[in-house]
C-alpha atoms as a PDB file:
ATOM      1  CA  MET A   1     179.685  -2.261  73.808  1.00  0.00           C
ATOM      2  CA  ALA A   2     178.518   0.592  71.595  1.00  0.00           C
ATOM      3  CA  LEU A   3     175.399   2.586  72.356  1.00  0.00           C
ATOM      4  CA  SER A   4     172.573   2.971  69.902  1.00  0.00           C
ATOM      5  CA  ASP A   5     171.913   6.442  68.506  1.00  0.00           C
ATOM      6  CA  ASP A   6     168.877   6.846  70.762  1.00  0.00           C
ATOM      7  CA  GLU A   7     170.843   5.832  73.855  1.00  0.00           C
ATOM      8  CA  GLN A   8     173.692   8.149  72.910  1.00  0.00           C
ATOM      9  CA  ASP A   9     171.237  11.052  72.451  1.00  0.00           C
ATOM     10  CA  ARG A  10     169.726  10.390  75.874  1.00  0.00           C
ATOM     11  CA  LEU A  11     173.166  10.219  77.439  1.00  0.00           C
ATOM     12  CA  ASP A  12     174.137  13.519  75.793  1.00  0.00           C
ATOM     13  CA  GLU A  13     170.949  15.149  77.091  1.00  0.00           C
ATOM     14  CA  LEU A  14     171.651  13.939  80.623  1.00  0.00           C
ATOM     15  CA  GLU A  15     175.211  15.209  80.408  1.00  0.00           C
ATOM     16  CA  THR A  16     174.076  18.624  79.178  1.00  0.00           C
ATOM     17  CA  PHE A  17     171.433  18.854  81.915  1.00  0.00           C
ATOM     18  CA  ASN A  18     173.976  17.806  84.543  1.00  0.00           C
ATOM     19  CA  ARG A  19     176.481  20.437  83.408  1.00  0.00           C
ATOM     20  CA  ALA A  20     173.797  23.134  83.425  1.00  0.00           C
ATOM     21  CA  THR A  21     172.432  22.329  86.881  1.00  0.00           C
ATOM     22  CA  ASP A  22     175.592  21.370  88.792  1.00  0.00           C
ATOM     23  CA  PRO A  23     178.805  22.340  86.983  1.00  0.00           C
ATOM     24  CA  ARG A  24     181.083  21.495  89.912  1.00  0.00           C
ATOM     25  CA  PHE A  25     179.788  17.919  90.051  1.00  0.00           C
ATOM     26  CA  ALA A  26     180.100  17.599  86.270  1.00  0.00           C
ATOM     27  CA  VAL A  27     183.746  18.650  86.455  1.00  0.00           C
ATOM     28  CA  SER A  28     184.423  16.183  89.277  1.00  0.00           C
ATOM     29  CA  ILE A  29     183.179  13.240  87.188  1.00  0.00           C
ATOM     30  CA  GLY A  30     184.468  14.582  83.876  1.00  0.00           C
ATOM     31  CA  THR A  31     186.889  13.003  81.505  1.00  0.00           C
ATOM     32  CA  ALA A  32     189.940  14.428  83.272  1.00  0.00           C
ATOM     33  CA  ALA A  33     189.202  12.319  86.352  1.00  0.00           C
ATOM     34  CA  VAL A  34     188.737   9.220  84.216  1.00  0.00           C
ATOM     35  CA  GLN A  35     191.967   9.886  82.332  1.00  0.00           C
ATOM     36  CA  ARG A  36     193.867  10.326  85.610  1.00  0.00           C
ATOM     37  CA  TRP A  37     192.502   7.006  86.838  1.00  0.00           C
ATOM     38  CA  GLU A  38     193.480   5.295  83.568  1.00  0.00           C
ATOM     39  CA  ARG A  39     197.022   6.685  83.813  1.00  0.00           C
ATOM     40  CA  ARG A  40     197.322   5.384  87.377  1.00  0.00           C
ATOM     41  CA  ARG A  41     196.058   1.947  86.331  1.00  0.00           C
ATOM     42  CA  ALA A  42     198.506   1.880  83.423  1.00  0.00           C
ATOM     43  CA  ALA A  43     201.414   2.885  85.675  1.00  0.00           C
ATOM     44  CA  PHE A  44     200.423   0.193  88.181  1.00  0.00           C
ATOM     45  CA  ALA A  45     200.176  -2.438  85.444  1.00  0.00           C
ATOM     46  CA  TRP A  46     203.601  -1.587  84.002  1.00  0.00           C
ATOM     47  CA  SER A  47     205.104  -1.525  87.516  1.00  0.00           C
ATOM     48  CA  ALA A  48     203.619  -4.954  88.222  1.00  0.00           C
ATOM     49  CA  SER A  49     205.125  -6.252  84.984  1.00  0.00           C
ATOM     50  CA  LEU A  50     208.567  -4.968  85.893  1.00  0.00           C
ATOM     51  CA  LEU A  51     208.269  -6.374  89.407  1.00  0.00           C
ATOM     52  CA  GLY A  52     207.271  -9.719  87.892  1.00  0.00           C
ATOM     53  CA  ILE A  53     210.317  -9.716  85.627  1.00  0.00           C
ATOM     54  CA  LEU A  54     212.506  -8.929  88.631  1.00  0.00           C
ATOM     55  CA  ALA A  55     210.886 -11.830  90.542  1.00  0.00           C
ATOM     56  CA  ILE A  56     211.532 -14.169  87.610  1.00  0.00           C
ATOM     57  CA  LEU A  57     215.199 -13.209  87.483  1.00  0.00           C
ATOM     58  CA  THR A  58     215.547 -13.511  91.265  1.00  0.00           C
ATOM     59  CA  GLY A  59     213.804 -16.867  91.245  1.00  0.00           C
ATOM     60  CA  LEU A  60     216.001 -18.191  88.460  1.00  0.00           C
ATOM     61  CA  GLY A  61     219.046 -17.244  90.490  1.00  0.00           C
ATOM     62  CA  ALA A  62     217.648 -18.938  93.596  1.00  0.00           C
ATOM     63  CA  ALA A  63     216.305 -22.096  91.930  1.00  0.00           C
ATOM     64  CA  ARG A  64     218.068 -25.246  93.110  1.00  0.00           C
ATOM     65  CA  GLY A  65     215.751 -27.884  91.727  1.00  0.00           C
ATOM     66  CA  LEU A  66     212.327 -28.495  90.229  1.00  0.00           C
ATOM     67  CA  ILE A  67     210.427 -27.795  93.465  1.00  0.00           C
ATOM     68  CA  SER A  68     212.245 -25.079  95.360  1.00  0.00           C
ATOM     69  CA  THR A  69     211.646 -21.586  96.660  1.00  0.00           C
ATOM     70  CA  GLY A  70     213.251 -20.178  93.510  1.00  0.00           C
ATOM     71  CA  SER A  71     210.873 -22.154  91.304  1.00  0.00           C
ATOM     72  CA  ILE A  72     207.881 -20.860  93.242  1.00  0.00           C
ATOM     73  CA  ILE A  73     209.174 -17.294  92.928  1.00  0.00           C
ATOM     74  CA  VAL A  74     209.598 -17.779  89.164  1.00  0.00           C
ATOM     75  CA  PHE A  75     206.032 -19.098  88.880  1.00  0.00           C
ATOM     76  CA  TYR A  76     204.502 -16.165  90.754  1.00  0.00           C
ATOM     77  CA  GLY A  77     206.780 -13.740  88.894  1.00  0.00           C
ATOM     78  CA  PHE A  78     205.462 -15.137  85.612  1.00  0.00           C
ATOM     79  CA  LEU A  79     201.854 -14.716  86.789  1.00  0.00           C
ATOM     80  CA  LEU A  80     202.520 -11.137  87.890  1.00  0.00           C
ATOM     81  CA  THR A  81     204.232 -10.315  84.599  1.00  0.00           C
ATOM     82  CA  ALA A  82     201.439 -11.853  82.536  1.00  0.00           C
ATOM     83  CA  TRP A  83     198.766  -9.996  84.526  1.00  0.00           C
ATOM     84  CA  GLY A  84     200.660  -6.693  84.303  1.00  0.00           C
ATOM     85  CA  PHE A  85     201.251  -6.887  80.565  1.00  0.00           C
ATOM     86  CA  GLY A  86     197.703  -8.094  79.938  1.00  0.00           C
ATOM     87  CA  SER A  87     196.244  -5.183  81.913  1.00  0.00           C
ATOM     88  CA  ALA A  88     198.548  -2.672  80.251  1.00  0.00           C
ATOM     89  CA  VAL A  89     197.627  -3.890  76.767  1.00  0.00           C
ATOM     90  CA  GLN A  90     193.928  -3.765  77.639  1.00  0.00           C
ATOM     91  CA  ILE A  91     194.275  -0.175  78.850  1.00  0.00           C
ATOM     92  CA  LEU A  92     196.223   0.840  75.726  1.00  0.00           C
ATOM     93  CA  ARG A  93     193.651  -0.779  73.430  1.00  0.00           C
ATOM     94  CA  ARG A  94     190.857   1.088  75.204  1.00  0.00           C
ATOM     95  CA  GLN A  95     192.727   4.403  74.916  1.00  0.00           C
ATOM     96  CA  ILE A  96     193.456   3.831  71.215  1.00  0.00           C
ATOM     97  CA  GLY A  97     189.805   2.954  70.585  1.00  0.00           C
ATOM     98  CA  GLU A  98     188.613   6.081  72.391  1.00  0.00           C
ATOM     99  CA  ALA A  99     191.057   8.231  70.427  1.00  0.00           C
ATOM    100  CA  ALA A 100     189.832   6.735  67.151  1.00  0.00           C
ATOM    101  CA  ARG A 101     186.185   7.356  68.102  1.00  0.00           C
ATOM    102  CA  THR A 102     187.031  10.949  69.061  1.00  0.00           C
ATOM    103  CA  ARG A 103     188.689  11.495  65.668  1.00  0.00           C
ATOM    104  CA  GLU A 104     185.668  10.006  63.861  1.00  0.00           C
ATOM    105  CA  ASP A 105     183.292  12.325  65.738  1.00  0.00           C
ATOM    106  CA  ARG A 106     185.138  15.421  64.568  1.00  0.00           C
END
């Protein structure tokens, strides 16, 4: 959700004040920390997707009927893959949106 101009101005003032009064704290909550967290989330999401694909392939090899251990593994592998890809796409969309806003601000 986008901020109004007034809200953005207030946020900028708070950020400037925070950097002036406590620079070490400002660095600790800066954009680098957020970017590191986003990279970790993206790596976790892609890893979950790959693990889900591996579970699907393993389950397909172990499936011996409609209701079997292999079928259950395939089902949970599909859920894990869908969650991983969905999270990864959401993270990428957010990063692309932030990059576009940064370019517009320049």
